[in-house]
């Protein structure tokens, strides 16, 4: 399933000329991530942790460039803040 949101954020071919993008690529490759070529390669991704009920968005991470990874510790902390939904009586 793909959700691109109301506005697709893209980075064109010139994005590959950024030094930080290559550093991200080399770091991921060194850690064993091989990636794939499935899907749309120019759309920047993101991670959202959304709480139950009225909690709203607990964490938002939007890629600023290719390979801009989310902090997994922050994701786990945000997920831990999700309160259980109360059943309607």
N, C-alpha and C. Protein backbone atom coordinates (compact mmCIF):
# COMPACT_ATOMS: atom_id res chain seq x y z
N UNK A 1 0.85 -1.17 0.00
CA UNK A 1 0.00 0.00 0.00
C UNK A 1 0.89 1.23 0.00
N UNK A 2 0.56 2.20 -0.81
CA UNK A 2 1.30 3.45 -0.88
C UNK A 2 0.38 4.61 -0.54
N UNK A 3 0.84 5.46 0.33
CA UNK A 3 0.11 6.69 0.64
C UNK A 3 1.05 7.84 0.39
N UNK A 4 0.70 8.67 -0.57
CA UNK A 4 1.56 9.79 -0.91
C UNK A 4 1.11 11.08 -0.27
N UNK A 5 -0.03 11.07 0.42
CA UNK A 5 -0.51 12.29 1.07
C UNK A 5 -1.09 13.27 0.06
N UNK A 6 -1.51 14.41 0.56
CA UNK A 6 -2.16 15.38 -0.32
C UNK A 6 -1.19 16.03 -1.31
N UNK A 7 0.09 16.07 -0.96
CA UNK A 7 1.09 16.69 -1.83
C UNK A 7 2.30 15.76 -1.93
N UNK A 8 2.65 15.39 -3.16
CA UNK A 8 3.83 14.55 -3.34
C UNK A 8 5.07 15.42 -3.30
N UNK A 9 6.01 15.04 -2.47
CA UNK A 9 7.28 15.76 -2.36
C UNK A 9 8.30 14.97 -3.16
N UNK A 10 8.92 15.61 -4.13
CA UNK A 10 9.85 14.93 -5.02
C UNK A 10 11.23 15.56 -4.97
N UNK A 11 12.19 14.76 -5.34
CA UNK A 11 13.55 15.25 -5.54
C UNK A 11 13.99 14.70 -6.89
N UNK A 12 14.41 15.55 -7.77
CA UNK A 12 14.78 15.14 -9.11
C UNK A 12 16.16 14.52 -9.19
N UNK A 13 16.60 14.30 -10.42
CA UNK A 13 17.91 13.68 -10.65
C UNK A 13 19.05 14.48 -10.04
N UNK A 14 18.91 15.79 -9.97
CA UNK A 14 19.98 16.60 -9.39
C UNK A 14 20.18 16.29 -7.91
N UNK A 15 19.18 15.70 -7.28
CA UNK A 15 19.31 15.30 -5.88
C UNK A 15 20.43 14.28 -5.68
N UNK A 16 20.73 13.51 -6.72
CA UNK A 16 21.80 12.52 -6.62
C UNK A 16 23.19 13.15 -6.62
N UNK A 17 23.27 14.43 -6.92
CA UNK A 17 24.56 15.11 -6.92
C UNK A 17 24.96 15.61 -5.53
N UNK A 18 24.05 15.54 -4.57
CA UNK A 18 24.35 16.01 -3.21
C UNK A 18 25.29 15.04 -2.51
N UNK A 19 26.30 15.58 -1.86
CA UNK A 19 27.25 14.76 -1.11
C UNK A 19 26.54 13.98 -0.01
N UNK A 20 25.61 14.61 0.68
CA UNK A 20 24.92 13.95 1.80
C UNK A 20 24.10 12.76 1.33
N UNK A 21 23.56 12.81 0.12
CA UNK A 21 22.81 11.67 -0.42
C UNK A 21 23.74 10.48 -0.61
N UNK A 22 24.93 10.73 -1.14
CA UNK A 22 25.90 9.65 -1.32
C UNK A 22 26.40 9.12 0.02
N UNK A 23 26.54 9.99 0.99
CA UNK A 23 26.93 9.54 2.33
C UNK A 23 25.85 8.63 2.91
N UNK A 24 24.58 9.01 2.73
CA UNK A 24 23.46 8.18 3.19
C UNK A 24 23.48 6.83 2.49
N UNK A 25 23.72 6.85 1.18
CA UNK A 25 23.76 5.61 0.39
C UNK A 25 24.88 4.69 0.89
N UNK A 26 26.06 5.25 1.07
CA UNK A 26 27.20 4.43 1.51
C UNK A 26 27.00 3.90 2.93
N UNK A 27 26.42 4.71 3.81
CA UNK A 27 26.14 4.26 5.17
C UNK A 27 25.15 3.09 5.15
N UNK A 28 24.09 3.20 4.36
CA UNK A 28 23.09 2.14 4.28
C UNK A 28 23.70 0.87 3.68
N UNK A 29 24.50 1.03 2.65
CA UNK A 29 25.13 -0.14 2.02
C UNK A 29 26.10 -0.83 2.99
N UNK A 30 26.84 -0.03 3.75
CA UNK A 30 27.78 -0.58 4.73
C UNK A 30 27.04 -1.38 5.81
N UNK A 31 25.83 -0.96 6.14
CA UNK A 31 25.02 -1.66 7.15
C UNK A 31 24.27 -2.84 6.57
N UNK A 32 24.44 -3.10 5.27
CA UNK A 32 23.83 -4.28 4.67
C UNK A 32 22.50 -4.06 3.98
N UNK A 33 22.04 -2.81 3.90
CA UNK A 33 20.77 -2.55 3.23
C UNK A 33 21.02 -2.48 1.74
N UNK A 34 20.34 -3.35 0.98
CA UNK A 34 20.57 -3.39 -0.46
C UNK A 34 19.56 -2.56 -1.24
N UNK A 35 18.39 -2.33 -0.66
CA UNK A 35 17.37 -1.53 -1.34
C UNK A 35 16.71 -2.31 -2.47
N UNK A 36 15.89 -1.61 -3.23
CA UNK A 36 15.23 -2.21 -4.38
C UNK A 36 14.93 -1.11 -5.39
N UNK A 37 14.42 -1.48 -6.52
CA UNK A 37 14.08 -0.50 -7.54
C UNK A 37 12.57 -0.50 -7.80
N UNK A 38 11.80 -0.97 -6.85
CA UNK A 38 10.35 -0.99 -6.99
C UNK A 38 9.78 0.38 -6.65
N UNK A 39 8.71 0.74 -7.31
CA UNK A 39 8.00 1.96 -6.96
C UNK A 39 8.58 3.21 -7.60
N UNK A 40 8.12 4.33 -7.12
CA UNK A 40 8.50 5.65 -7.64
C UNK A 40 9.77 6.10 -6.94
N UNK A 41 10.84 6.25 -7.66
CA UNK A 41 12.13 6.54 -7.07
C UNK A 41 12.40 7.99 -6.73
N UNK A 42 11.56 8.90 -7.15
CA UNK A 42 11.83 10.32 -6.91
C UNK A 42 10.97 10.92 -5.81
N UNK A 43 10.04 10.14 -5.26
CA UNK A 43 9.16 10.66 -4.21
C UNK A 43 9.84 10.47 -2.86
N UNK A 44 9.92 11.55 -2.10
CA UNK A 44 10.51 11.49 -0.77
C UNK A 44 9.51 10.85 0.20
N UNK A 45 10.00 10.04 1.09
CA UNK A 45 9.14 9.33 2.03
C UNK A 45 9.04 10.01 3.38
N UNK A 46 8.44 9.29 4.29
CA UNK A 46 8.29 9.82 5.64
C UNK A 46 7.72 8.77 6.56
N UNK A 47 7.72 9.08 7.84
CA UNK A 47 7.17 8.20 8.87
C UNK A 47 6.31 9.04 9.80
N UNK A 48 5.11 8.54 10.07
CA UNK A 48 4.21 9.19 11.01
C UNK A 48 3.80 8.17 12.06
N UNK A 49 3.79 8.58 13.31
CA UNK A 49 3.20 7.77 14.38
C UNK A 49 1.98 8.55 14.84
N UNK A 50 0.82 7.94 14.65
CA UNK A 50 -0.45 8.61 14.95
C UNK A 50 -1.09 7.93 16.15
N UNK A 51 -1.41 8.71 17.15
CA UNK A 51 -2.00 8.19 18.36
C UNK A 51 -3.47 7.84 18.20
N UNK A 52 -4.00 7.20 19.20
CA UNK A 52 -5.41 6.81 19.20
C UNK A 52 -6.30 8.01 19.53
N UNK A 53 -7.50 7.98 19.01
CA UNK A 53 -8.49 9.01 19.34
C UNK A 53 -8.01 10.41 19.01
N UNK A 54 -8.02 11.28 20.02
CA UNK A 54 -7.65 12.68 19.84
C UNK A 54 -6.17 12.97 20.07
N UNK A 55 -5.35 11.95 20.18
CA UNK A 55 -3.93 12.18 20.43
C UNK A 55 -3.24 12.87 19.26
N UNK A 56 -3.70 12.61 18.08
CA UNK A 56 -3.10 13.25 16.90
C UNK A 56 -1.76 12.64 16.52
N UNK A 57 -0.94 13.44 15.85
CA UNK A 57 0.36 12.98 15.37
C UNK A 57 1.38 13.07 16.51
N UNK A 58 1.97 11.93 16.85
CA UNK A 58 2.95 11.87 17.93
C UNK A 58 4.38 12.01 17.42
N UNK A 59 4.59 11.66 16.17
CA UNK A 59 5.91 11.81 15.56
C UNK A 59 5.72 12.01 14.06
N UNK A 60 6.47 12.93 13.51
CA UNK A 60 6.43 13.19 12.07
C UNK A 60 7.86 13.32 11.57
N UNK A 61 8.20 12.52 10.59
CA UNK A 61 9.52 12.61 9.94
C UNK A 61 9.29 12.60 8.44
N UNK A 62 9.73 13.65 7.78
CA UNK A 62 9.64 13.73 6.32
C UNK A 62 11.06 13.80 5.76
N UNK A 63 11.33 12.93 4.80
CA UNK A 63 12.66 12.96 4.19
C UNK A 63 12.92 14.32 3.57
N UNK A 64 14.10 14.85 3.81
CA UNK A 64 14.52 16.09 3.18
C UNK A 64 15.35 15.81 1.94
N UNK A 65 15.93 14.60 1.90
CA UNK A 65 16.71 14.15 0.75
C UNK A 65 16.69 12.63 0.76
N UNK A 66 17.14 12.02 -0.33
CA UNK A 66 17.15 10.56 -0.42
C UNK A 66 17.98 9.98 0.71
N UNK A 67 17.45 8.97 1.38
CA UNK A 67 18.20 8.28 2.42
C UNK A 67 18.20 8.94 3.77
N UNK A 68 17.38 9.97 3.95
CA UNK A 68 17.28 10.66 5.23
C UNK A 68 16.45 9.78 6.17
N UNK A 69 17.11 8.99 6.99
CA UNK A 69 16.43 7.97 7.80
C UNK A 69 15.85 8.55 9.08
N UNK A 70 14.74 7.96 9.51
CA UNK A 70 14.10 8.35 10.75
C UNK A 70 14.88 7.76 11.93
N UNK A 71 14.83 8.43 13.06
CA UNK A 71 15.46 7.94 14.29
C UNK A 71 14.54 6.87 14.88
N UNK A 72 14.98 5.62 14.86
CA UNK A 72 14.13 4.51 15.33
C UNK A 72 13.82 4.59 16.81
N UNK A 73 14.73 5.15 17.60
CA UNK A 73 14.46 5.33 19.03
C UNK A 73 13.29 6.29 19.22
N UNK A 74 13.26 7.36 18.43
CA UNK A 74 12.16 8.32 18.51
C UNK A 74 10.84 7.67 18.10
N UNK A 75 10.88 6.79 17.10
CA UNK A 75 9.66 6.09 16.67
C UNK A 75 9.15 5.20 17.80
N UNK A 76 10.04 4.45 18.43
CA UNK A 76 9.63 3.56 19.52
C UNK A 76 9.09 4.35 20.71
N UNK A 77 9.72 5.48 21.02
CA UNK A 77 9.23 6.31 22.13
C UNK A 77 7.84 6.86 21.81
N UNK A 78 7.65 7.32 20.58
CA UNK A 78 6.34 7.85 20.19
C UNK A 78 5.28 6.75 20.21
N UNK A 79 5.64 5.57 19.73
CA UNK A 79 4.69 4.45 19.74
C UNK A 79 4.32 4.08 21.17
N UNK A 80 5.25 4.21 22.09
CA UNK A 80 4.97 3.92 23.49
C UNK A 80 4.02 4.91 24.14
N UNK A 81 3.85 6.07 23.53
CA UNK A 81 2.95 7.10 24.06
C UNK A 81 1.51 6.93 23.59
N UNK A 82 1.28 5.99 22.69
CA UNK A 82 -0.09 5.78 22.20
C UNK A 82 -0.92 5.20 23.33
N UNK A 83 -1.99 5.89 23.65
CA UNK A 83 -2.87 5.39 24.72
C UNK A 83 -3.91 4.47 24.11
N UNK A 84 -4.30 3.44 24.84
CA UNK A 84 -5.31 2.52 24.32
C UNK A 84 -6.64 3.23 24.11
N UNK A 85 -7.34 2.84 23.07
CA UNK A 85 -8.65 3.43 22.80
C UNK A 85 -9.65 2.90 23.81
N UNK A 86 -10.50 3.78 24.27
CA UNK A 86 -11.56 3.38 25.19
C UNK A 86 -12.75 2.89 24.38
N UNK A 87 -13.31 1.76 24.77
CA UNK A 87 -14.46 1.24 24.03
C UNK A 87 -15.70 2.07 24.36
N UNK A 88 -16.51 2.28 23.34
CA UNK A 88 -17.76 3.05 23.53
C UNK A 88 -18.76 2.19 24.29
N UNK A 89 -19.34 2.79 25.33
CA UNK A 89 -20.31 2.02 26.13
C UNK A 89 -21.69 2.56 25.94
